[in-house]
PDB file of N, CA and C in Angstrom:
ATOM      1  N   MET A   1     169.559-173.897  40.365  1.00  0.00           N
ATOM      2  CA  MET A   1     169.327-174.788  40.120  1.00  0.00           C
ATOM      3  C   MET A   1     168.435-175.346  41.392  1.00  0.00           C
ATOM      4  N   HIS A   2     169.269-175.476  42.303  1.00  0.00           N
ATOM      5  CA  HIS A   2     168.678-175.714  43.717  1.00  0.00           C
ATOM      6  C   HIS A   2     167.634-175.008  44.020  1.00  0.00           C
ATOM      7  N   ASP A   3     167.438-173.836  43.663  1.00  0.00           N
ATOM      8  CA  ASP A   3     166.577-172.778  44.241  1.00  0.00           C
ATOM      9  C   ASP A   3     165.180-173.432  43.221  1.00  0.00           C
ATOM     10  N   LEU A   4     165.277-173.968  41.974  1.00  0.00           N
ATOM     11  CA  LEU A   4     163.998-174.642  41.698  1.00  0.00           C
ATOM     12  C   LEU A   4     162.865-175.382  41.812  1.00  0.00           C
ATOM     13  N   ALA A   5     164.800-176.586  42.458  1.00  0.00           N
ATOM     14  CA  ALA A   5     164.115-178.276  43.225  1.00  0.00           C
ATOM     15  C   ALA A   5     163.242-177.472  44.296  1.00  0.00           C
ATOM     16  N   ARG A   6     163.762-176.494  45.657  1.00  0.00           N
ATOM     17  CA  ARG A   6     162.944-176.106  46.376  1.00  0.00           C
ATOM     18  C   ARG A   6     161.598-175.505  46.398  1.00  0.00           C
ATOM     19  N   LEU A   7     161.374-174.930  45.149  1.00  0.00           N
ATOM     20  CA  LEU A   7     159.940-174.426  45.160  1.00  0.00           C
ATOM     21  C   LEU A   7     159.483-175.518  44.723  1.00  0.00           C
ATOM     22  N   PHE A   8     159.838-176.413  43.787  1.00  0.00           N
ATOM     23  CA  PHE A   8     159.042-177.686  43.793  1.00  0.00           C
ATOM     24  C   PHE A   8     158.599-178.321  44.977  1.00  0.00           C
ATOM     25  N   VAL A   9     160.044-178.648  45.766  1.00  0.00           N
ATOM     26  CA  VAL A   9     159.050-178.710  46.987  1.00  0.00           C
ATOM     27  C   VAL A   9     158.265-178.466  47.991  1.00  0.00           C
ATOM     28  N   LEU A  10     158.350-177.228  47.694  1.00  0.00           N
ATOM     29  CA  LEU A  10     157.315-176.467  48.539  1.00  0.00           C
ATOM     30  C   LEU A  10     156.023-177.069  48.027  1.00  0.00           C
ATOM     31  N   LEU A  11     155.843-176.533  46.787  1.00  0.00           N
ATOM     32  CA  LEU A  11     154.439-176.770  46.070  1.00  0.00           C
ATOM     33  C   LEU A  11     154.142-178.478  46.704  1.00  0.00           C
ATOM     34  N   VAL A  12     154.971-179.455  46.652  1.00  0.00           N
ATOM     35  CA  VAL A  12     154.792-180.544  46.572  1.00  0.00           C
ATOM     36  C   VAL A  12     153.856-181.268  48.167  1.00  0.00           C
ATOM     37  N   ASP A  13     154.946-180.270  49.169  1.00  0.00           N
ATOM     38  CA  ASP A  13     154.226-180.065  50.348  1.00  0.00           C
ATOM     39  C   ASP A  13     153.054-179.710  50.514  1.00  0.00           C
ATOM     40  N   ALA A  14     152.675-178.521  49.928  1.00  0.00           N
ATOM     41  CA  ALA A  14     151.457-177.698  49.494  1.00  0.00           C
ATOM     42  C   ALA A  14     150.685-178.765  49.387  1.00  0.00           C
ATOM     43  N   ALA A  15     150.501-179.548  48.044  1.00  0.00           N
ATOM     44  CA  ALA A  15     150.018-180.271  47.931  1.00  0.00           C
ATOM     45  C   ALA A  15     149.244-181.830  48.707  1.00  0.00           C
ATOM     46  N   VAL A  16     150.791-182.517  49.335  1.00  0.00           N
ATOM     47  CA  VAL A  16     150.477-183.234  50.652  1.00  0.00           C
ATOM     48  C   VAL A  16     149.558-183.006  51.613  1.00  0.00           C
ATOM     49  N   SER A  17     149.474-181.809  52.013  1.00  0.00           N
ATOM     50  CA  SER A  17     148.669-181.015  53.209  1.00  0.00           C
ATOM     51  C   SER A  17     147.323-180.787  52.928  1.00  0.00           C
ATOM     52  N   SER A  18     147.258-180.852  51.810  1.00  0.00           N
ATOM     53  CA  SER A  18     145.641-180.809  50.952  1.00  0.00           C
ATOM     54  C   SER A  18     145.781-178.894  50.725  1.00  0.00           C
ATOM     55  N   ASN A  19     146.820-178.401  50.548  1.00  0.00           N
ATOM     56  CA  ASN A  19     146.229-176.927  50.678  1.00  0.00           C
ATOM     57  C   ASN A  19     145.506-177.166  49.204  1.00  0.00           C
ATOM     58  N   ASN A  20     144.612-176.402  49.114  1.00  0.00           N
ATOM     59  CA  ASN A  20     143.976-176.244  47.818  1.00  0.00           C
ATOM     60  C   ASN A  20     143.695-175.049  47.878  1.00  0.00           C
ATOM     61  N   SER A  21     144.690-173.878  48.193  1.00  0.00           N
ATOM     62  CA  SER A  21     143.898-172.144  47.385  1.00  0.00           C
ATOM     63  C   SER A  21     144.412-172.169  46.537  1.00  0.00           C
ATOM     64  N   ALA A  22     142.710-171.169  46.130  1.00  0.00           N
ATOM     65  CA  ALA A  22     143.321-170.948  44.923  1.00  0.00           C
ATOM     66  C   ALA A  22     144.800-169.774  44.412  1.00  0.00           C
ATOM     67  N   GLU A  23     145.269-169.584  45.525  1.00  0.00           N
ATOM     68  CA  GLU A  23     146.134-168.365  45.451  1.00  0.00           C
ATOM     69  C   GLU A  23     146.978-169.392  45.071  1.00  0.00           C
ATOM     70  N   VAL A  24     147.554-170.567  45.363  1.00  0.00           N
ATOM     71  CA  VAL A  24     148.295-171.693  45.547  1.00  0.00           C
ATOM     72  C   VAL A  24     148.088-172.243  44.098  1.00  0.00           C
ATOM     73  N   TRP A  25     147.363-172.988  43.520  1.00  0.00           N
ATOM     74  CA  TRP A  25     147.135-173.491  42.160  1.00  0.00           C
ATOM     75  C   TRP A  25     146.057-172.798  41.394  1.00  0.00           C
ATOM     76  N   GLY A  26     145.576-173.723  40.495  1.00  0.00           N
ATOM     77  CA  GLY A  26     144.348-173.047  39.282  1.00  0.00           C
ATOM     78  C   GLY A  26     145.736-172.148  38.640  1.00  0.00           C
ATOM     79  N   PRO A  27     144.661-171.192  38.006  1.00  0.00           N
ATOM     80  CA  PRO A  27     145.159-170.254  37.175  1.00  0.00           C
ATOM     81  C   PRO A  27     146.537-169.274  37.414  1.00  0.00           C
ATOM     82  N   ARG A  28     146.018-168.991  39.519  1.00  0.00           N
ATOM     83  CA  ARG A  28     147.310-168.778  40.100  1.00  0.00           C
ATOM     84  C   ARG A  28     148.743-169.197  39.850  1.00  0.00           C
ATOM     85  N   GLY A  29     148.690-170.019  40.024  1.00  0.00           N
ATOM     86  CA  GLY A  29     149.358-171.317  40.311  1.00  0.00           C
ATOM     87  C   GLY A  29     150.990-171.015  39.048  1.00  0.00           C
ATOM     88  N   TYR A  30     150.951-170.075  38.955  1.00  0.00           N
ATOM     89  CA  TYR A  30     152.254-169.912  38.407  1.00  0.00           C
ATOM     90  C   TYR A  30     153.436-169.372  38.685  1.00  0.00           C
ATOM     91  N   TYR A  31     154.426-169.762  39.324  1.00  0.00           N
ATOM     92  CA  TYR A  31     155.496-169.241  40.092  1.00  0.00           C
ATOM     93  C   TYR A  31     156.855-168.818  39.353  1.00  0.00           C
ATOM     94  N   PHE A  32     157.712-167.920  39.358  1.00  0.00           N
ATOM     95  CA  PHE A  32     158.516-167.508  39.028  1.00  0.00           C
ATOM     96  C   PHE A  32     159.683-167.538  40.497  1.00  0.00           C
ATOM     97  N   ILE A  33     160.675-167.455  39.790  1.00  0.00           N
ATOM     98  CA  ILE A  33     162.268-167.330  41.205  1.00  0.00           C
ATOM     99  C   ILE A  33     163.351-166.498  40.515  1.00  0.00           C
ATOM    100  N   SER A  34     163.052-165.532  41.102  1.00  0.00           N
ATOM    101  CA  SER A  34     164.849-164.936  41.175  1.00  0.00           C
ATOM    102  C   SER A  34     165.345-163.909  41.982  1.00  0.00           C
ATOM    103  N   ARG A  35     166.465-163.359  41.210  1.00  0.00           N
ATOM    104  CA  ARG A  35     166.869-163.065  42.246  1.00  0.00           C
ATOM    105  C   ARG A  35     167.336-161.576  41.302  1.00  0.00           C
ATOM    106  N   GLY A  36     166.727-160.389  40.808  1.00  0.00           N
ATOM    107  CA  GLY A  36     166.888-159.399  39.770  1.00  0.00           C
ATOM    108  C   GLY A  36     166.250-159.590  39.032  1.00  0.00           C
ATOM    109  N   GLU A  37     167.084-158.923  37.891  1.00  0.00           N
ATOM    110  CA  GLU A  37     166.830-158.666  36.688  1.00  0.00           C
ATOM    111  C   GLU A  37     168.018-159.079  35.997  1.00  0.00           C
ATOM    112  N   HIS A  38     167.424-159.384  34.418  1.00  0.00           N
ATOM    113  CA  HIS A  38     168.668-159.938  33.233  1.00  0.00           C
ATOM    114  C   HIS A  38     167.889-159.063  31.886  1.00  0.00           C
ATOM    115  N   THR A  39     168.912-158.753  31.104  1.00  0.00           N
ATOM    116  CA  THR A  39     168.374-158.913  29.651  1.00  0.00           C
ATOM    117  C   THR A  39     169.165-160.062  28.614  1.00  0.00           C
ATOM    118  N   TRP A  40     168.404-160.548  28.349  1.00  0.00           N
ATOM    119  CA  TRP A  40     169.318-161.819  27.279  1.00  0.00           C
ATOM    120  C   TRP A  40     170.420-161.038  26.785  1.00  0.00           C
ATOM    121  N   GLY A  41     169.962-160.050  25.984  1.00  0.00           N
ATOM    122  CA  GLY A  41     171.593-158.783  25.821  1.00  0.00           C
ATOM    123  C   GLY A  41     173.101-159.517  26.368  1.00  0.00           C
ATOM    124  N   GLN A  42     172.101-158.580  27.345  1.00  0.00           N
ATOM    125  CA  GLN A  42     173.266-158.646  28.864  1.00  0.00           C
ATOM    126  C   GLN A  42     173.660-159.906  28.910  1.00  0.00           C
ATOM    127  N   LEU A  43     172.947-161.065  29.171  1.00  0.00           N
ATOM    128  CA  LEU A  43     173.675-161.704  29.493  1.00  0.00           C
ATOM    129  C   LEU A  43     174.577-162.943  28.521  1.00  0.00           C
ATOM    130  N   SER A  44     173.780-162.878  26.990  1.00  0.00           N
ATOM    131  CA  SER A  44     174.583-163.137  25.734  1.00  0.00           C
ATOM    132  C   SER A  44     176.037-162.358  26.150  1.00  0.00           C
ATOM    133  N   GLN A  45     175.949-161.402  26.308  1.00  0.00           N
ATOM    134  CA  GLN A  45     177.377-160.144  26.056  1.00  0.00           C
ATOM    135  C   GLN A  45     178.776-160.974  27.512  1.00  0.00           C
ATOM    136  N   LYS A  46     177.999-161.170  28.704  1.00  0.00           N
ATOM    137  CA  LYS A  46     178.621-161.660  29.746  1.00  0.00           C
ATOM    138  C   LYS A  46     179.092-163.061  29.234  1.00  0.00           C
ATOM    139  N   MET A  47     177.954-164.237  28.921  1.00  0.00           N
ATOM    140  CA  MET A  47     178.508-165.181  28.423  1.00  0.00           C
ATOM    141  C   MET A  47     180.042-165.037  27.169  1.00  0.00           C
ATOM    142  N   ALA A  48     179.708-164.323  26.163  1.00  0.00           N
ATOM    143  CA  ALA A  48     181.264-164.097  25.341  1.00  0.00           C
ATOM    144  C   ALA A  48     182.302-163.223  26.194  1.00  0.00           C
ATOM    145  N   ASP A  49     182.050-162.721  26.831  1.00  0.00           N
ATOM    146  CA  ASP A  49     182.977-161.593  27.308  1.00  0.00           C
ATOM    147  C   ASP A  49     184.015-163.264  28.185  1.00  0.00           C
ATOM    148  N   TYR A  50     183.078-164.106  28.732  1.00  0.00           N
ATOM    149  CA  TYR A  50     183.760-164.805  30.009  1.00  0.00           C
ATOM    150  C   TYR A  50     184.820-165.825  28.535  1.00  0.00           C
ATOM    151  N   ALA A  51     183.701-166.687  27.703  1.00  0.00           N
ATOM    152  CA  ALA A  51     184.227-167.308  26.929  1.00  0.00           C
ATOM    153  C   ALA A  51     185.893-166.757  25.822  1.00  0.00           C
ATOM    154  N   LEU A  52     185.840-165.223  25.676  1.00  0.00           N
ATOM    155  CA  LEU A  52     186.650-164.969  25.044  1.00  0.00           C
ATOM    156  C   LEU A  52     187.860-165.040  25.877  1.00  0.00           C
ATOM    157  N   SER A  53     187.951-164.679  27.547  1.00  0.00           N
ATOM    158  CA  SER A  53     188.441-164.532  28.300  1.00  0.00           C
ATOM    159  C   SER A  53     189.341-165.929  28.326  1.00  0.00           C
ATOM    160  N   LYS A  54     188.697-167.334  28.628  1.00  0.00           N
ATOM    161  CA  LYS A  54     189.036-168.445  28.211  1.00  0.00           C
ATOM    162  C   LYS A  54     190.111-168.855  26.961  1.00  0.00           C
ATOM    163  N   GLY A  55     189.590-168.518  25.977  1.00  0.00           N
ATOM    164  CA  GLY A  55     190.176-168.358  24.576  1.00  0.00           C
ATOM    165  C   GLY A  55     188.732-169.413  24.022  1.00  0.00           C
ATOM    166  N   TYR A  56     187.718-169.440  24.363  1.00  0.00           N
ATOM    167  CA  TYR A  56     186.920-170.516  23.634  1.00  0.00           C
ATOM    168  C   TYR A  56     186.424-170.168  22.335  1.00  0.00           C
ATOM    169  N   ILE A  57     186.201-168.417  21.912  1.00  0.00           N
ATOM    170  CA  ILE A  57     185.579-167.559  21.297  1.00  0.00           C
ATOM    171  C   ILE A  57     186.831-166.981  20.514  1.00  0.00           C
ATOM    172  N   GLU A  58     186.797-166.430  19.590  1.00  0.00           N
ATOM    173  CA  GLU A  58     187.715-165.295  18.717  1.00  0.00           C
ATOM    174  C   GLU A  58     187.261-164.258  19.248  1.00  0.00           C
ATOM    175  N   THR A  59     186.150-163.577  18.894  1.00  0.00           N
ATOM    176  CA  THR A  59     185.675-162.164  19.307  1.00  0.00           C
ATOM    177  C   THR A  59     184.523-162.418  20.124  1.00  0.00           C
ATOM    178  N   LYS A  60     184.207-161.321  21.620  1.00  0.00           N
ATOM    179  CA  LYS A  60     183.054-161.025  21.717  1.00  0.00           C
ATOM    180  C   LYS A  60     181.926-160.229  21.144  1.00  0.00           C
ATOM    181  N   GLU A  61     181.776-160.249  20.060  1.00  0.00           N
ATOM    182  CA  GLU A  61     180.925-159.282  18.916  1.00  0.00           C
ATOM    183  C   GLU A  61     179.785-160.113  19.228  1.00  0.00           C
ATOM    184  N   LEU A  62     178.234-159.820  19.448  1.00  0.00           N
ATOM    185  CA  LEU A  62     177.075-160.594  19.324  1.00  0.00           C
ATOM    186  C   LEU A  62     176.718-160.676  17.951  1.00  0.00           C
ATOM    187  N   GLU A  63     175.763-161.397  17.577  1.00  0.00           N
ATOM    188  CA  GLU A  63     175.250-160.901  16.211  1.00  0.00           C
ATOM    189  C   GLU A  63     173.285-160.706  16.285  1.00  0.00           C
ATOM    190  N   ASP A  64     173.111-160.084  16.077  1.00  0.00           N
ATOM    191  CA  ASP A  64     171.659-160.254  16.094  1.00  0.00           C
ATOM    192  C   ASP A  64     170.918-161.266  15.335  1.00  0.00           C
ATOM    193  N   MET A  65     169.749-161.537  15.933  1.00  0.00           N
ATOM    194  CA  MET A  65     169.209-162.908  15.277  1.00  0.00           C
ATOM    195  C   MET A  65     167.856-162.648  14.756  1.00  0.00           C
ATOM    196  N   ASP A  66     167.313-163.008  13.667  1.00  0.00           N
ATOM    197  CA  ASP A  66     166.054-162.371  12.916  1.00  0.00           C
ATOM    198  C   ASP A  66     165.368-163.684  13.595  1.00  0.00           C
ATOM    199  N   LYS A  67     163.874-163.825  13.809  1.00  0.00           N
ATOM    200  CA  LYS A  67     163.057-164.173  13.820  1.00  0.00           C
ATOM    201  C   LYS A  67     163.402-166.077  13.757  1.00  0.00           C
ATOM    202  N   LYS A  68     163.151-165.961  12.479  1.00  0.00           N
ATOM    203  CA  LYS A  68     163.668-167.424  11.697  1.00  0.00           C
ATOM    204  C   LYS A  68     165.071-167.862  12.225  1.00  0.00           C
ATOM    205  N   MET A  69     166.430-166.729  12.084  1.00  0.00           N
ATOM    206  CA  MET A  69     167.253-167.313  12.834  1.00  0.00           C
ATOM    207  C   MET A  69     167.122-168.403  14.234  1.00  0.00           C
ATOM    208  N   ALA A  70     166.575-167.364  14.893  1.00  0.00           N
ATOM    209  CA  ALA A  70     166.420-168.025  16.572  1.00  0.00           C
ATOM    210  C   ALA A  70     165.452-169.278  16.306  1.00  0.00           C
ATOM    211  N   MET A  71     164.309-169.478  15.305  1.00  0.00           N
ATOM    212  CA  MET A  71     163.538-170.732  15.743  1.00  0.00           C
ATOM    213  C   MET A  71     164.336-171.598  14.886  1.00  0.00           C
ATOM    214  N   ASP A  72     165.289-171.389  14.130  1.00  0.00           N
ATOM    215  CA  ASP A  72     166.023-172.952  13.222  1.00  0.00           C
ATOM    216  C   ASP A  72     167.650-173.102  14.593  1.00  0.00           C
ATOM    217  N   ALA A  73     167.650-171.938  15.456  1.00  0.00           N
ATOM    218  CA  ALA A  73     168.436-172.328  16.441  1.00  0.00           C
ATOM    219  C   ALA A  73     168.017-173.252  17.332  1.00  0.00           C
ATOM    220  N   ALA A  74     167.131-172.786  17.591  1.00  0.00           N
ATOM    221  CA  ALA A  74     166.276-173.243  19.343  1.00  0.00           C
ATOM    222  C   ALA A  74     164.928-173.430  19.378  1.00  0.00           C
ATOM    223  N   GLY A  75     164.008-173.596  18.076  1.00  0.00           N
ATOM    224  CA  GLY A  75     162.693-173.603  17.706  1.00  0.00           C
ATOM    225  C   GLY A  75     162.039-172.767  18.732  1.00  0.00           C
ATOM    226  N   PHE A  76     160.469-172.934  19.192  1.00  0.00           N
ATOM    227  CA  PHE A  76     159.958-171.572  19.818  1.00  0.00           C
ATOM    228  C   PHE A  76     160.133-170.929  20.539  1.00  0.00           C
ATOM    229  N   GLU A  77     160.413-171.637  21.635  1.00  0.00           N
ATOM    230  CA  GLU A  77     161.108-171.039  23.021  1.00  0.00           C
ATOM    231  C   GLU A  77     161.663-169.982  22.596  1.00  0.00           C
ATOM    232  N   ALA A  78     163.041-170.007  21.740  1.00  0.00           N
ATOM    233  CA  ALA A  78     163.820-168.721  21.333  1.00  0.00           C
ATOM    234  C   ALA A  78     163.772-167.746  20.981  1.00  0.00           C
ATOM    235  N   LEU A  79     161.836-167.797  20.433  1.00  0.00           N
ATOM    236  CA  LEU A  79     161.307-166.382  20.301  1.00  0.00           C
ATOM    237  C   LEU A  79     161.401-165.289  21.999  1.00  0.00           C
ATOM    238  N   SER A  80     161.123-165.896  22.839  1.00  0.00           N
ATOM    239  CA  SER A  80     161.128-165.166  24.102  1.00  0.00           C
ATOM    240  C   SER A  80     162.650-164.314  24.433  1.00  0.00           C
ATOM    241  N   TRP A  81     163.863-165.216  23.597  1.00  0.00           N
ATOM    242  CA  TRP A  81     164.948-163.995  24.117  1.00  0.00           C
ATOM    243  C   TRP A  81     164.539-162.380  23.757  1.00  0.00           C
ATOM    244  N   GLY A  82     163.877-162.213  22.337  1.00  0.00           N
ATOM    245  CA  GLY A  82     163.966-160.767  22.101  1.00  0.00           C
ATOM    246  C   GLY A  82     162.815-160.182  22.998  1.00  0.00           C
ATOM    247  N   MET A  83     161.643-161.059  23.627  1.00  0.00           N
ATOM    248  CA  MET A  83     160.637-160.501  24.260  1.00  0.00           C
ATOM    249  C   MET A  83     160.890-159.304  25.754  1.00  0.00           C
ATOM    250  N   ASN A  84     160.254-158.132  25.542  1.00  0.00           N
ATOM    251  CA  ASN A  84     160.564-157.466  26.619  1.00  0.00           C
ATOM    252  C   ASN A  84     159.666-157.917  28.101  1.00  0.00           C
ATOM    253  N   SER A  85     159.980-158.766  28.556  1.00  0.00           N
ATOM    254  CA  SER A  85     158.770-158.872  29.614  1.00  0.00           C
ATOM    255  C   SER A  85     159.911-158.967  31.004  1.00  0.00           C
ATOM    256  N   ARG A  86     158.900-158.657  32.040  1.00  0.00           N
ATOM    257  CA  ARG A  86     159.658-158.816  33.402  1.00  0.00           C
ATOM    258  C   ARG A  86     158.756-159.336  34.305  1.00  0.00           C
ATOM    259  N   VAL A  87     159.225-160.277  35.322  1.00  0.00           N
ATOM    260  CA  VAL A  87     158.859-161.131  36.440  1.00  0.00           C
ATOM    261  C   VAL A  87     158.889-160.691  37.580  1.00  0.00           C
ATOM    262  N   ARG A  88     158.419-161.186  38.273  1.00  0.00           N
ATOM    263  CA  ARG A  88     158.486-160.576  39.979  1.00  0.00           C
ATOM    264  C   ARG A  88     158.602-162.171  40.706  1.00  0.00           C
ATOM    265  N   ALA A  89     159.094-162.490  41.389  1.00  0.00           N
ATOM    266  CA  ALA A  89     159.212-163.699  42.256  1.00  0.00           C
ATOM    267  C   ALA A  89     158.232-163.370  43.673  1.00  0.00           C
ATOM    268  N   ASN A  90     157.481-162.751  43.528  1.00  0.00           N
ATOM    269  CA  ASN A  90     156.834-162.051  44.959  1.00  0.00           C
ATOM    270  C   ASN A  90     155.495-163.490  45.205  1.00  0.00           C
ATOM    271  N   ARG A  91     154.995-164.578  44.612  1.00  0.00           N
ATOM    272  CA  ARG A  91     154.341-165.017  45.133  1.00  0.00           C
ATOM    273  C   ARG A  91     154.786-166.580  45.723  1.00  0.00           C
ATOM    274  N   ALA A  92     155.733-166.730  44.862  1.00  0.00           N
ATOM    275  CA  ALA A  92     156.350-167.896  45.654  1.00  0.00           C
ATOM    276  C   ALA A  92     156.426-167.389  47.293  1.00  0.00           C
ATOM    277  N   GLN A  93     157.060-166.227  47.546  1.00  0.00           N
ATOM    278  CA  GLN A  93     157.678-166.038  48.800  1.00  0.00           C
ATOM    279  C   GLN A  93     156.289-165.794  49.856  1.00  0.00           C
ATOM    280  N   GLU A  94     155.121-165.353  49.266  1.00  0.00           N
ATOM    281  CA  GLU A  94     154.043-165.218  49.420  1.00  0.00           C
ATOM    282  C   GLU A  94     152.989-166.273  49.773  1.00  0.00           C
ATOM    283  N   GLN A  95     153.160-166.903  49.003  1.00  0.00           N
ATOM    284  CA  GLN A  95     152.052-168.304  49.351  1.00  0.00           C
ATOM    285  C   GLN A  95     153.154-169.430  49.885  1.00  0.00           C
ATOM    286  N   LEU A  96     154.248-169.158  49.796  1.00  0.00           N
ATOM    287  CA  LEU A  96     155.433-170.635  50.448  1.00  0.00           C
ATOM    288  C   LEU A  96     155.941-170.386  50.754  1.00  0.00           C
ATOM    289  N   GLY A  97     156.133-169.161  51.095  1.00  0.00           N
ATOM    290  CA  GLY A  97     157.557-168.929  52.582  1.00  0.00           C
ATOM    291  C   GLY A  97     158.458-168.722  51.244  1.00  0.00           C
ATOM    292  N   PHE A  98     158.859-169.052  49.816  1.00  0.00           N
ATOM    293  CA  PHE A  98     160.434-169.303  49.373  1.00  0.00           C
ATOM    294  C   PHE A  98     161.192-168.096  49.792  1.00  0.00           C
ATOM    295  N   GLU A  99     162.272-168.479  49.903  1.00  0.00           N
ATOM    296  CA  GLU A  99     163.059-167.214  49.184  1.00  0.00           C
ATOM    297  C   GLU A  99     164.603-167.837  48.620  1.00  0.00           C
ATOM    298  N   VAL A 100     164.844-166.935  47.845  1.00  0.00           N
ATOM    299  CA  VAL A 100     166.432-167.079  46.956  1.00  0.00           C
ATOM    300  C   VAL A 100     166.823-167.410  47.653  1.00  0.00           C
ATOM    301  N   ARG A 101     167.720-168.388  47.821  1.00  0.00           N
ATOM    302  CA  ARG A 101     169.301-168.893  48.401  1.00  0.00           C
ATOM    303  C   ARG A 101     170.819-168.689  47.534  1.00  0.00           C
ATOM    304  N   GLU A 102     170.532-169.273  46.212  1.00  0.00           N
ATOM    305  CA  GLU A 102     171.277-169.493  45.485  1.00  0.00           C
ATOM    306  C   GLU A 102     172.233-168.282  44.880  1.00  0.00           C
ATOM    307  N   CYS A 103     172.869-168.286  43.460  1.00  0.00           N
ATOM    308  CA  CYS A 103     173.608-166.910  42.666  1.00  0.00           C
ATOM    309  C   CYS A 103     172.299-166.705  41.589  1.00  0.00           C
ATOM    310  N   THR A 104     173.089-165.635  41.193  1.00  0.00           N
ATOM    311  CA  THR A 104     172.257-165.487  40.234  1.00  0.00           C
ATOM    312  C   THR A 104     172.636-165.564  38.503  1.00  0.00           C
ATOM    313  N   LEU A 105     171.887-165.734  37.806  1.00  0.00           N
ATOM    314  CA  LEU A 105     172.132-166.333  36.304  1.00  0.00           C
ATOM    315  C   LEU A 105     173.800-165.898  35.936  1.00  0.00           C
ATOM    316  N   GLU A 106     173.703-164.734  36.079  1.00  0.00           N
ATOM    317  CA  GLU A 106     175.172-163.897  35.857  1.00  0.00           C
ATOM    318  C   GLU A 106     175.958-164.462  36.538  1.00  0.00           C
ATOM    319  N   GLU A 107     175.564-165.012  37.742  1.00  0.00           N
ATOM    320  CA  GLU A 107     176.574-165.540  38.586  1.00  0.00           C
ATOM    321  C   GLU A 107     177.417-167.034  37.936  1.00  0.00           C
ATOM    322  N   GLU A 108     176.320-167.840  37.330  1.00  0.00           N
ATOM    323  CA  GLU A 108     176.119-169.505  36.874  1.00  0.00           C
ATOM    324  C   GLU A 108     176.904-169.435  35.480  1.00  0.00           C
ATOM    325  N   VAL A 109     177.464-168.205  34.798  1.00  0.00           N
ATOM    326  CA  VAL A 109     177.914-167.879  33.234  1.00  0.00           C
ATOM    327  C   VAL A 109     179.046-168.825  32.862  1.00  0.00           C
ATOM    328  N   PRO A 110     180.684-168.535  34.230  1.00  0.00           N
ATOM    329  CA  PRO A 110     181.301-169.431  34.389  1.00  0.00           C
ATOM    330  C   PRO A 110     180.919-171.267  34.306  1.00  0.00           C
ATOM    331  N   ARG A 111     179.811-171.559  35.201  1.00  0.00           N
ATOM    332  CA  ARG A 111     179.611-173.103  35.031  1.00  0.00           C
ATOM    333  C   ARG A 111     178.908-173.320  33.718  1.00  0.00           C
ATOM    334  N   ILE A 112     178.290-172.457  33.498  1.00  0.00           N
ATOM    335  CA  ILE A 112     177.595-172.755  32.189  1.00  0.00           C
ATOM    336  C   ILE A 112     178.269-173.013  30.948  1.00  0.00           C
ATOM    337  N   ILE A 113     179.038-171.955  31.045  1.00  0.00           N
ATOM    338  CA  ILE A 113     180.070-172.160  29.777  1.00  0.00           C
ATOM    339  C   ILE A 113     180.636-173.316  29.803  1.00  0.00           C
ATOM    340  N   GLU A 114     181.476-173.825  30.833  1.00  0.00           N
ATOM    341  CA  GLU A 114     182.412-174.803  30.801  1.00  0.00           C
ATOM    342  C   GLU A 114     181.834-175.840  30.854  1.00  0.00           C
ATOM    343  N   ASP A 115     180.248-176.252  31.390  1.00  0.00           N
ATOM    344  CA  ASP A 115     179.197-177.457  31.181  1.00  0.00           C
ATOM    345  C   ASP A 115     179.655-177.286  29.665  1.00  0.00           C
ATOM    346  N   GLU A 116     178.982-176.416  28.962  1.00  0.00           N
ATOM    347  CA  GLU A 116     178.496-176.722  27.408  1.00  0.00           C
ATOM    348  C   GLU A 116     180.145-176.635  26.735  1.00  0.00           C
ATOM    349  N   ARG A 117     181.226-176.390  27.076  1.00  0.00           N
ATOM    350  CA  ARG A 117     182.376-176.399  26.686  1.00  0.00           C
ATOM    351  C   ARG A 117     182.688-178.358  26.754  1.00  0.00           C
ATOM    352  N   LYS A 118     182.616-178.668  28.142  1.00  0.00           N
ATOM    353  CA  LYS A 118     182.883-180.704  27.880  1.00  0.00           C
ATOM    354  C   LYS A 118     181.782-180.980  27.221  1.00  0.00           C
ATOM    355  N   ARG A 119     180.386-180.468  27.122  1.00  0.00           N
ATOM    356  CA  ARG A 119     179.469-181.348  26.413  1.00  0.00           C
ATOM    357  C   ARG A 119     180.118-181.122  24.910  1.00  0.00           C
ATOM    358  N   LEU A 120     179.872-180.397  24.553  1.00  0.00           N
ATOM    359  CA  LEU A 120     180.600-179.710  23.081  1.00  0.00           C
ATOM    360  C   LEU A 120     181.897-181.438  22.913  1.00  0.00           C
ATOM    361  N   GLN A 121     183.190-180.999  23.641  1.00  0.00           N
ATOM    362  CA  GLN A 121     184.095-181.873  23.452  1.00  0.00           C
ATOM    363  C   GLN A 121     183.494-183.314  23.428  1.00  0.00           C
ATOM    364  N   LYS A 122     182.707-183.714  24.343  1.00  0.00           N
ATOM    365  CA  LYS A 122     182.855-185.026  24.411  1.00  0.00           C
ATOM    366  C   LYS A 122     181.847-185.544  22.981  1.00  0.00           C
ATOM    367  N   ALA A 123     180.689-184.656  22.475  1.00  0.00           N
ATOM    368  CA  ALA A 123     180.143-184.963  21.325  1.00  0.00           C
ATOM    369  C   ALA A 123     181.624-184.995  19.796  1.00  0.00           C
ATOM    370  N   ASP A 124     182.266-183.846  20.143  1.00  0.00           N
ATOM    371  CA  ASP A 124     182.991-184.156  19.159  1.00  0.00           C
ATOM    372  C   ASP A 124     184.030-185.627  19.503  1.00  0.00           C
ATOM    373  N   ASP A 125     184.787-185.481  20.263  1.00  0.00           N
ATOM    374  CA  ASP A 125     185.121-187.126  20.861  1.00  0.00           C
ATOM    375  C   ASP A 125     184.376-188.217  20.124  1.00  0.00           C
ATOM    376  N   GLU A 126     183.214-188.073  20.483  1.00  0.00           N
ATOM    377  CA  GLU A 126     182.281-189.500  19.990  1.00  0.00           C
ATOM    378  C   GLU A 126     182.017-189.526  18.227  1.00  0.00           C
ATOM    379  N   LYS A 127     182.549-188.205  18.129  1.00  0.00           N
ATOM    380  CA  LYS A 127     182.577-188.625  16.680  1.00  0.00           C
ATOM    381  C   LYS A 127     183.816-189.041  15.824  1.00  0.00           C
ATOM    382  N   GLU A 128     184.807-188.915  16.920  1.00  0.00           N
ATOM    383  CA  GLU A 128     185.787-189.395  15.886  1.00  0.00           C
ATOM    384  C   GLU A 128     185.646-191.011  16.318  1.00  0.00           C
TER     385      GLU A 128
END
């Protein structure tokens, strides 16, 4: 998350300095940050492996979701889980001098799982 915040700061700095470059703003003003590539299937398996190792789930088997199941679970945005797209974070570096410093998404898996576990426990506690 810190990388994303730093990119926002660079964009604000560009705006404050009156950088009106068409390469920074407008139709070209779309940026990605990344350190490598992932697929949602591989990331899902890594999350299942971690959750199983902690005893949070009973199996690491993944379940395929069709379009309706994905939309019911997470709305329209979930449709991107099955897309085959690739991005590179070149523009942020070229136009704004941005460099990725933080860990990869895969390295964040333990924190993500632990945060979600705490959130779910809190929700359960509030129901009681």
